[in-house]
């Protein structure tokens, strides 16, 4: 397995193997990467994308959290294909993101983890992330494979790690 920055030629394969449908998340991330706002990382097993992560260089979206941990990029959108979960893909993406952050001379990375995802929270804590005691609530609409919109309310806890 290898991790690499997304290039435009990857988008069709990403949508085929890690589909987001109407949400069009991969194209959105790629567009943001073109501005330098983020790095969009893809985990590949042979020629198949099996995971993805985004480094947001400006830090957390929540202004209160961003102010409390200045200079801390956020690693987000960390996702692994269901058939590949529990096989080190998420760890490889996280470590690749942390290496990129450290290469820019930054000394801290952060992640947000939904309160209904204790498995991810345990992974982050095992890898050295610590809870900031800060959380936020976000609301968005997610479209499923049948193009049905679901209004989502998600509470996210913020964790940080010294690099």
N, C-alpha and C. Protein backbone atom coordinates (compact mmCIF):
# COMPACT_ATOMS: atom_id res chain seq x y z
N UNK A 1 0.84 -1.18 0.00
CA UNK A 1 0.00 0.00 0.00
C UNK A 1 0.89 1.24 0.00
N UNK A 2 0.39 2.27 -0.69
CA UNK A 2 1.11 3.54 -0.72
C UNK A 2 0.11 4.67 -0.53
N UNK A 3 0.59 5.81 -0.07
CA UNK A 3 -0.25 7.01 0.01
C UNK A 3 0.36 8.05 -0.92
N UNK A 4 -0.51 8.84 -1.53
CA UNK A 4 -0.06 9.86 -2.47
C UNK A 4 -1.07 10.99 -2.49
N UNK A 5 -0.60 12.15 -2.92
CA UNK A 5 -1.48 13.29 -3.11
C UNK A 5 -2.38 13.02 -4.31
N UNK A 6 -3.65 13.36 -4.18
CA UNK A 6 -4.61 13.17 -5.26
C UNK A 6 -4.23 14.03 -6.47
N UNK A 7 -4.32 13.44 -7.65
CA UNK A 7 -4.19 14.18 -8.90
C UNK A 7 -5.51 14.04 -9.66
N UNK A 8 -5.72 14.93 -10.60
CA UNK A 8 -7.01 14.97 -11.30
C UNK A 8 -7.38 13.63 -11.92
N UNK A 9 -6.39 12.91 -12.43
CA UNK A 9 -6.66 11.62 -13.07
C UNK A 9 -7.19 10.58 -12.09
N UNK A 10 -7.05 10.82 -10.78
CA UNK A 10 -7.54 9.88 -9.76
C UNK A 10 -9.04 9.99 -9.51
N UNK A 11 -9.66 11.09 -9.89
CA UNK A 11 -11.03 11.38 -9.48
C UNK A 11 -12.04 10.32 -9.92
N UNK A 12 -11.94 9.83 -11.14
CA UNK A 12 -12.90 8.81 -11.61
C UNK A 12 -12.76 7.53 -10.81
N UNK A 13 -11.53 7.11 -10.55
CA UNK A 13 -11.30 5.90 -9.76
C UNK A 13 -11.79 6.07 -8.33
N UNK A 14 -11.59 7.25 -7.77
CA UNK A 14 -12.07 7.52 -6.42
C UNK A 14 -13.59 7.42 -6.35
N UNK A 15 -14.27 8.00 -7.31
CA UNK A 15 -15.73 7.96 -7.29
C UNK A 15 -16.24 6.53 -7.52
N UNK A 16 -15.51 5.76 -8.28
CA UNK A 16 -15.90 4.37 -8.53
C UNK A 16 -15.70 3.50 -7.28
N UNK A 17 -14.59 3.69 -6.57
CA UNK A 17 -14.25 2.81 -5.44
C UNK A 17 -14.63 3.37 -4.07
N UNK A 18 -14.69 4.68 -3.93
CA UNK A 18 -15.07 5.34 -2.67
C UNK A 18 -16.15 6.37 -3.00
N UNK A 19 -17.29 5.91 -3.49
CA UNK A 19 -18.29 6.84 -4.05
C UNK A 19 -18.90 7.79 -3.03
N UNK A 20 -19.12 9.01 -3.48
CA UNK A 20 -19.86 9.99 -2.69
C UNK A 20 -21.07 10.52 -3.47
N UNK A 21 -21.26 10.04 -4.70
CA UNK A 21 -22.45 10.40 -5.48
C UNK A 21 -22.63 11.89 -5.62
N UNK A 22 -23.85 12.32 -5.38
CA UNK A 22 -24.22 13.73 -5.54
C UNK A 22 -23.39 14.65 -4.64
N UNK A 23 -22.87 14.12 -3.56
CA UNK A 23 -22.07 14.92 -2.64
C UNK A 23 -20.80 15.45 -3.32
N UNK A 24 -20.29 14.69 -4.30
CA UNK A 24 -19.16 15.13 -5.12
C UNK A 24 -17.95 15.53 -4.27
N UNK A 25 -17.73 14.81 -3.18
CA UNK A 25 -16.69 15.20 -2.23
C UNK A 25 -15.29 15.17 -2.82
N UNK A 26 -14.99 14.15 -3.64
CA UNK A 26 -13.62 14.07 -4.17
C UNK A 26 -13.28 15.27 -5.04
N UNK A 27 -14.20 15.67 -5.91
CA UNK A 27 -13.95 16.83 -6.77
C UNK A 27 -13.81 18.10 -5.92
N UNK A 28 -14.62 18.20 -4.89
CA UNK A 28 -14.54 19.35 -3.99
C UNK A 28 -13.18 19.40 -3.30
N UNK A 29 -12.72 18.26 -2.77
CA UNK A 29 -11.41 18.23 -2.11
C UNK A 29 -10.29 18.55 -3.11
N UNK A 30 -10.39 17.99 -4.30
CA UNK A 30 -9.35 18.24 -5.30
C UNK A 30 -9.29 19.74 -5.63
N UNK A 31 -10.45 20.36 -5.79
CA UNK A 31 -10.51 21.79 -6.09
C UNK A 31 -9.87 22.60 -4.96
N UNK A 32 -10.16 22.26 -3.72
CA UNK A 32 -9.56 22.96 -2.58
C UNK A 32 -8.04 22.74 -2.54
N UNK A 33 -7.61 21.54 -2.92
CA UNK A 33 -6.17 21.26 -2.95
C UNK A 33 -5.48 22.16 -3.98
N UNK A 34 -6.14 22.42 -5.09
CA UNK A 34 -5.55 23.25 -6.14
C UNK A 34 -5.28 24.67 -5.65
N UNK A 35 -6.02 25.12 -4.65
CA UNK A 35 -5.81 26.47 -4.10
C UNK A 35 -4.73 26.48 -3.02
N UNK A 36 -4.28 25.29 -2.59
CA UNK A 36 -3.29 25.20 -1.51
C UNK A 36 -3.91 25.17 -0.13
N UNK A 37 -5.22 25.21 -0.08
CA UNK A 37 -5.94 25.22 1.20
C UNK A 37 -5.79 23.89 1.95
N UNK A 38 -5.73 22.80 1.19
CA UNK A 38 -5.64 21.47 1.78
C UNK A 38 -4.65 20.61 0.99
N UNK A 39 -4.27 19.48 1.58
CA UNK A 39 -3.67 18.37 0.85
C UNK A 39 -4.68 17.24 0.91
N UNK A 40 -4.92 16.61 -0.22
CA UNK A 40 -5.88 15.51 -0.33
C UNK A 40 -5.09 14.24 -0.58
N UNK A 41 -5.04 13.38 0.43
CA UNK A 41 -4.23 12.16 0.38
C UNK A 41 -5.09 10.94 0.07
N UNK A 42 -4.55 10.07 -0.76
CA UNK A 42 -5.24 8.85 -1.14
C UNK A 42 -4.35 7.66 -0.77
N UNK A 43 -4.95 6.63 -0.18
CA UNK A 43 -4.25 5.37 0.06
C UNK A 43 -4.60 4.43 -1.09
N UNK A 44 -3.58 3.83 -1.67
CA UNK A 44 -3.75 2.94 -2.82
C UNK A 44 -3.27 1.55 -2.47
N UNK A 45 -4.03 0.56 -2.85
CA UNK A 45 -3.62 -0.84 -2.79
C UNK A 45 -3.62 -1.31 -4.23
N UNK A 46 -2.44 -1.56 -4.76
CA UNK A 46 -2.27 -1.77 -6.20
C UNK A 46 -2.79 -0.51 -6.90
N UNK A 47 -3.75 -0.64 -7.78
CA UNK A 47 -4.28 0.53 -8.48
C UNK A 47 -5.67 0.92 -8.00
N UNK A 48 -6.03 0.51 -6.79
CA UNK A 48 -7.37 0.76 -6.26
C UNK A 48 -7.27 1.68 -5.05
N UNK A 49 -8.01 2.80 -5.06
CA UNK A 49 -8.02 3.66 -3.88
C UNK A 49 -8.81 2.99 -2.76
N UNK A 50 -8.20 2.90 -1.57
CA UNK A 50 -8.85 2.21 -0.45
C UNK A 50 -9.07 3.14 0.75
N UNK A 51 -8.62 4.38 0.65
CA UNK A 51 -8.82 5.32 1.75
C UNK A 51 -8.44 6.72 1.34
N UNK A 52 -8.85 7.67 2.16
CA UNK A 52 -8.56 9.07 1.87
C UNK A 52 -8.49 9.88 3.16
N UNK A 53 -7.79 10.99 3.08
CA UNK A 53 -7.71 11.93 4.20
C UNK A 53 -7.41 13.31 3.64
N UNK A 54 -7.80 14.32 4.39
CA UNK A 54 -7.59 15.71 4.01
C UNK A 54 -6.83 16.41 5.13
N UNK A 55 -5.78 17.14 4.78
CA UNK A 55 -5.10 18.01 5.73
C UNK A 55 -5.57 19.44 5.44
N UNK A 56 -6.25 20.04 6.39
CA UNK A 56 -6.67 21.44 6.26
C UNK A 56 -5.62 22.29 6.96
N UNK A 57 -4.84 23.02 6.17
CA UNK A 57 -3.69 23.73 6.70
C UNK A 57 -4.07 24.87 7.63
N UNK A 58 -5.22 25.47 7.43
CA UNK A 58 -5.65 26.58 8.30
C UNK A 58 -6.13 26.10 9.66
N UNK A 59 -6.33 24.81 9.81
CA UNK A 59 -6.76 24.27 11.10
C UNK A 59 -8.24 23.95 11.12
N UNK A 60 -8.74 23.80 12.31
CA UNK A 60 -10.12 23.39 12.52
C UNK A 60 -11.11 24.43 11.99
N UNK A 61 -12.23 23.96 11.48
CA UNK A 61 -13.28 24.85 11.00
C UNK A 61 -13.87 25.68 12.14
N UNK A 62 -14.03 25.07 13.30
CA UNK A 62 -14.58 25.76 14.46
C UNK A 62 -13.58 26.83 14.93
N UNK A 63 -13.98 28.09 14.86
CA UNK A 63 -13.08 29.20 15.19
C UNK A 63 -12.55 29.14 16.62
N UNK A 64 -13.39 28.71 17.54
CA UNK A 64 -12.99 28.63 18.96
C UNK A 64 -11.85 27.63 19.12
N UNK A 65 -11.97 26.49 18.47
CA UNK A 65 -10.93 25.46 18.55
C UNK A 65 -9.67 25.95 17.83
N UNK A 66 -9.85 26.53 16.65
CA UNK A 66 -8.71 27.02 15.88
C UNK A 66 -7.92 28.05 16.69
N UNK A 67 -8.62 28.92 17.42
CA UNK A 67 -7.94 29.94 18.24
C UNK A 67 -7.19 29.30 19.41
N UNK A 68 -7.73 28.22 19.95
CA UNK A 68 -7.10 27.57 21.11
C UNK A 68 -5.86 26.77 20.72
N UNK A 69 -5.81 26.29 19.50
CA UNK A 69 -4.66 25.48 19.04
C UNK A 69 -4.11 26.07 17.74
N UNK A 70 -3.66 27.30 17.83
CA UNK A 70 -3.13 28.00 16.64
C UNK A 70 -1.97 27.21 16.02
N UNK A 71 -1.91 27.25 14.70
CA UNK A 71 -0.83 26.58 14.00
C UNK A 71 -0.98 25.07 13.97
N UNK A 72 -2.19 24.59 14.19
CA UNK A 72 -2.44 23.15 14.23
C UNK A 72 -3.35 22.76 13.06
N UNK A 73 -2.78 22.20 11.99
CA UNK A 73 -3.62 21.73 10.89
C UNK A 73 -4.54 20.60 11.35
N UNK A 74 -5.67 20.48 10.68
CA UNK A 74 -6.61 19.40 11.00
C UNK A 74 -6.53 18.31 9.94
N UNK A 75 -6.44 17.08 10.40
CA UNK A 75 -6.55 15.92 9.52
C UNK A 75 -8.01 15.48 9.59
N UNK A 76 -8.69 15.54 8.46
CA UNK A 76 -10.10 15.20 8.44
C UNK A 76 -10.45 14.33 7.25
N UNK A 77 -11.73 14.06 7.13
CA UNK A 77 -12.24 13.21 6.06
C UNK A 77 -11.47 11.90 5.99
N UNK A 78 -10.96 11.44 7.12
CA UNK A 78 -10.23 10.18 7.15
C UNK A 78 -11.24 9.05 6.99
N UNK A 79 -11.15 8.37 5.87
CA UNK A 79 -12.09 7.29 5.60
C UNK A 79 -11.41 6.14 4.88
N UNK A 80 -11.87 4.94 5.18
CA UNK A 80 -11.30 3.72 4.61
C UNK A 80 -12.45 2.89 4.04
N UNK A 81 -12.22 2.30 2.89
CA UNK A 81 -13.22 1.42 2.28
C UNK A 81 -13.61 0.34 3.30
N UNK A 82 -14.91 0.06 3.45
CA UNK A 82 -15.36 -0.90 4.46
C UNK A 82 -14.61 -2.23 4.43
N UNK A 83 -14.31 -2.76 3.27
CA UNK A 83 -13.63 -4.05 3.17
C UNK A 83 -12.17 -3.98 3.63
N UNK A 84 -11.63 -2.78 3.78
CA UNK A 84 -10.21 -2.61 4.15
C UNK A 84 -10.02 -2.10 5.58
N UNK A 85 -11.10 -1.89 6.30
CA UNK A 85 -10.99 -1.37 7.67
C UNK A 85 -10.32 -2.39 8.58
N UNK A 86 -9.56 -1.88 9.55
CA UNK A 86 -8.88 -2.75 10.49
C UNK A 86 -7.61 -3.37 9.94
N UNK A 87 -7.13 -2.88 8.81
CA UNK A 87 -5.93 -3.45 8.17
C UNK A 87 -4.79 -2.46 8.04
N UNK A 88 -4.86 -1.36 8.79
CA UNK A 88 -3.75 -0.41 8.82
C UNK A 88 -3.83 0.73 7.82
N UNK A 89 -4.88 0.78 7.01
CA UNK A 89 -5.00 1.84 6.01
C UNK A 89 -5.16 3.20 6.69
N UNK A 90 -6.04 3.28 7.68
CA UNK A 90 -6.26 4.54 8.38
C UNK A 90 -5.00 5.02 9.08
N UNK A 91 -4.28 4.10 9.70
CA UNK A 91 -3.03 4.46 10.38
C UNK A 91 -2.02 4.98 9.36
N UNK A 92 -1.91 4.32 8.22
CA UNK A 92 -0.97 4.76 7.18
C UNK A 92 -1.32 6.17 6.69
N UNK A 93 -2.60 6.44 6.48
CA UNK A 93 -3.01 7.77 6.05
C UNK A 93 -2.70 8.81 7.13
N UNK A 94 -3.00 8.48 8.36
CA UNK A 94 -2.75 9.41 9.47
C UNK A 94 -1.25 9.70 9.59
N UNK A 95 -0.43 8.68 9.52
CA UNK A 95 1.02 8.87 9.63
C UNK A 95 1.57 9.66 8.44
N UNK A 96 1.04 9.41 7.25
CA UNK A 96 1.45 10.18 6.08
C UNK A 96 1.10 11.66 6.26
N UNK A 97 -0.10 11.92 6.75
CA UNK A 97 -0.52 13.31 6.99
C UNK A 97 0.36 13.96 8.06
N UNK A 98 0.63 13.24 9.13
CA UNK A 98 1.49 13.79 10.19
C UNK A 98 2.88 14.11 9.66
N UNK A 99 3.42 13.25 8.81
CA UNK A 99 4.74 13.50 8.22
C UNK A 99 4.74 14.76 7.37
N UNK A 100 3.68 14.97 6.60
CA UNK A 100 3.58 16.17 5.77
C UNK A 100 3.49 17.42 6.65
N UNK A 101 2.74 17.32 7.73
CA UNK A 101 2.61 18.45 8.65
C UNK A 101 3.96 18.77 9.28
N UNK A 102 4.66 17.75 9.76
CA UNK A 102 5.98 17.95 10.38
C UNK A 102 6.98 18.51 9.37
N UNK A 103 6.88 18.07 8.10
CA UNK A 103 7.80 18.55 7.07
C UNK A 103 7.65 20.05 6.82
N UNK A 104 6.52 20.60 7.17
CA UNK A 104 6.31 22.05 7.05
C UNK A 104 6.77 22.79 8.31
N UNK A 105 7.37 22.06 9.23
CA UNK A 105 7.88 22.68 10.45
C UNK A 105 6.82 22.91 11.52
N UNK A 106 5.66 22.32 11.34
CA UNK A 106 4.59 22.47 12.32
C UNK A 106 4.72 21.37 13.37
N UNK A 107 4.33 21.67 14.59
CA UNK A 107 4.61 20.75 15.70
C UNK A 107 3.40 20.08 16.29
N UNK A 108 2.22 20.29 15.67
CA UNK A 108 1.01 19.70 16.23
C UNK A 108 0.06 19.36 15.08
N UNK A 109 -0.65 18.25 15.25
CA UNK A 109 -1.73 17.92 14.31
C UNK A 109 -2.99 17.69 15.11
N UNK A 110 -4.12 17.86 14.45
CA UNK A 110 -5.39 17.69 15.13
C UNK A 110 -6.35 16.85 14.31
N UNK A 111 -7.29 16.24 15.00
CA UNK A 111 -8.36 15.49 14.35
C UNK A 111 -9.67 15.82 15.07
N UNK A 112 -10.73 15.74 14.32
CA UNK A 112 -12.06 15.82 14.91
C UNK A 112 -12.67 14.43 14.81
N UNK A 113 -13.33 14.01 15.85
CA UNK A 113 -13.94 12.68 15.83
C UNK A 113 -15.37 12.79 16.33
N UNK A 114 -16.28 12.23 15.54
CA UNK A 114 -17.69 12.27 15.90
C UNK A 114 -17.91 11.48 17.19
N UNK A 115 -18.79 11.99 18.03
CA UNK A 115 -19.04 11.33 19.32
C UNK A 115 -19.66 9.95 19.14
N UNK A 116 -20.24 9.68 17.97
CA UNK A 116 -20.82 8.36 17.73
C UNK A 116 -19.83 7.42 17.03
N UNK A 117 -18.54 7.75 17.09
CA UNK A 117 -17.51 6.92 16.46
C UNK A 117 -16.42 6.57 17.48
N UNK A 118 -16.76 5.79 18.52
CA UNK A 118 -15.78 5.49 19.56
C UNK A 118 -14.59 4.68 19.04
N UNK A 119 -14.79 3.90 17.99
CA UNK A 119 -13.68 3.11 17.43
C UNK A 119 -12.58 4.05 16.92
N UNK A 120 -12.98 5.09 16.19
CA UNK A 120 -11.99 6.06 15.70
C UNK A 120 -11.34 6.80 16.86
N UNK A 121 -12.12 7.17 17.86
CA UNK A 121 -11.56 7.88 19.02
C UNK A 121 -10.50 7.02 19.71
N UNK A 122 -10.77 5.73 19.86
CA UNK A 122 -9.78 4.83 20.49
C UNK A 122 -8.51 4.75 19.64
N UNK A 123 -8.67 4.68 18.33
CA UNK A 123 -7.50 4.64 17.45
C UNK A 123 -6.66 5.90 17.62
N UNK A 124 -7.28 7.06 17.58
CA UNK A 124 -6.54 8.31 17.71
C UNK A 124 -5.83 8.39 19.06
N UNK A 125 -6.50 8.00 20.11
CA UNK A 125 -5.88 8.04 21.44
C UNK A 125 -4.70 7.06 21.52
N UNK A 126 -4.85 5.89 20.92
CA UNK A 126 -3.76 4.91 20.90
C UNK A 126 -2.55 5.46 20.14
N UNK A 127 -2.80 6.33 19.17
CA UNK A 127 -1.72 6.90 18.36
C UNK A 127 -1.18 8.21 18.92
N UNK A 128 -1.61 8.56 20.15
CA UNK A 128 -1.02 9.72 20.82
C UNK A 128 -1.84 10.99 20.81
N UNK A 129 -3.04 10.95 20.27
CA UNK A 129 -3.90 12.14 20.29
C UNK A 129 -4.55 12.26 21.66
N UNK A 130 -4.72 13.50 22.10
CA UNK A 130 -5.35 13.74 23.40
C UNK A 130 -6.54 14.68 23.22
N UNK A 131 -7.51 14.49 24.06
CA UNK A 131 -8.75 15.27 23.99
C UNK A 131 -8.49 16.71 24.43
N UNK A 132 -9.03 17.66 23.70
CA UNK A 132 -8.90 19.08 24.06
C UNK A 132 -10.03 19.55 24.96
N UNK A 133 -11.01 18.71 25.21
CA UNK A 133 -12.23 19.06 25.95
C UNK A 133 -13.07 20.09 25.21
N UNK A 134 -12.85 20.22 23.91
CA UNK A 134 -13.65 21.11 23.08
C UNK A 134 -14.42 20.28 22.06
N UNK A 135 -15.63 20.71 21.80
CA UNK A 135 -16.44 20.03 20.79
C UNK A 135 -17.30 21.06 20.08
N UNK A 136 -17.87 20.63 18.97
CA UNK A 136 -18.79 21.51 18.25
C UNK A 136 -19.84 20.66 17.56
N UNK A 137 -20.89 21.33 17.15
CA UNK A 137 -21.98 20.65 16.45
C UNK A 137 -22.04 21.19 15.04
N UNK A 138 -22.16 20.30 14.07
CA UNK A 138 -22.31 20.74 12.68
C UNK A 138 -23.56 20.10 12.10
N UNK A 139 -24.13 20.80 11.13
CA UNK A 139 -25.34 20.34 10.46
C UNK A 139 -25.09 20.38 8.96
N UNK A 140 -25.47 19.32 8.28
CA UNK A 140 -25.30 19.27 6.84
C UNK A 140 -26.26 18.24 6.26
N UNK A 141 -26.39 18.26 4.95
CA UNK A 141 -27.22 17.28 4.25
C UNK A 141 -26.31 16.35 3.47
N UNK A 142 -26.51 15.05 3.67
CA UNK A 142 -25.74 14.03 2.97
C UNK A 142 -26.69 13.26 2.07
N UNK A 143 -26.29 13.08 0.81
CA UNK A 143 -27.13 12.36 -0.15
C UNK A 143 -26.64 10.93 -0.30
N UNK A 144 -27.56 9.98 -0.13
CA UNK A 144 -27.20 8.56 -0.22
C UNK A 144 -27.18 8.10 -1.68
N UNK A 145 -26.93 6.80 -1.88
CA UNK A 145 -26.83 6.25 -3.23
C UNK A 145 -28.11 6.41 -4.03
N UNK A 146 -29.24 6.52 -3.36
CA UNK A 146 -30.53 6.71 -4.04
C UNK A 146 -30.85 8.19 -4.23
N UNK A 147 -29.87 9.06 -3.95
CA UNK A 147 -30.00 10.50 -4.09
C UNK A 147 -31.04 11.09 -3.13
N UNK A 148 -31.20 10.45 -2.00
CA UNK A 148 -32.10 10.94 -0.96
C UNK A 148 -31.26 11.72 0.05
N UNK A 149 -31.68 12.95 0.34
CA UNK A 149 -30.96 13.79 1.28
C UNK A 149 -31.28 13.44 2.72
N UNK A 150 -30.25 13.39 3.54
CA UNK A 150 -30.40 13.12 4.97
C UNK A 150 -29.79 14.30 5.73
N UNK A 151 -30.60 14.95 6.55
CA UNK A 151 -30.10 16.04 7.37
C UNK A 151 -29.35 15.46 8.56
N UNK A 152 -28.10 15.80 8.67
CA UNK A 152 -27.22 15.23 9.68
C UNK A 152 -26.87 16.31 10.72
N UNK A 153 -26.92 15.92 11.97
CA UNK A 153 -26.41 16.75 13.07
C UNK A 153 -25.32 15.92 13.72
N UNK A 154 -24.11 16.45 13.72
CA UNK A 154 -22.97 15.68 14.21
C UNK A 154 -22.23 16.49 15.27
N UNK A 155 -21.98 15.85 16.40
CA UNK A 155 -21.16 16.46 17.44
C UNK A 155 -19.76 15.88 17.33
N UNK A 156 -18.79 16.77 17.26
CA UNK A 156 -17.40 16.38 17.05
C UNK A 156 -16.56 16.81 18.24
N UNK A 157 -15.74 15.90 18.74
CA UNK A 157 -14.74 16.21 19.77
C UNK A 157 -13.41 16.44 19.06
N UNK A 158 -12.62 17.35 19.58
CA UNK A 158 -11.35 17.70 18.95
C UNK A 158 -10.18 17.16 19.77
N UNK A 159 -9.26 16.50 19.07
CA UNK A 159 -8.08 15.91 19.68
C UNK A 159 -6.84 16.47 19.00
N UNK A 160 -5.74 16.55 19.72
CA UNK A 160 -4.49 17.05 19.17
C UNK A 160 -3.34 16.13 19.56
N UNK A 161 -2.27 16.24 18.79
CA UNK A 161 -1.07 15.43 19.04
C UNK A 161 0.16 16.29 18.78
N UNK A 162 1.13 16.22 19.70
CA UNK A 162 2.41 16.88 19.47
C UNK A 162 3.23 16.00 18.54
N UNK A 163 3.83 16.63 17.53
CA UNK A 163 4.64 15.87 16.56
C UNK A 163 6.12 16.01 16.88
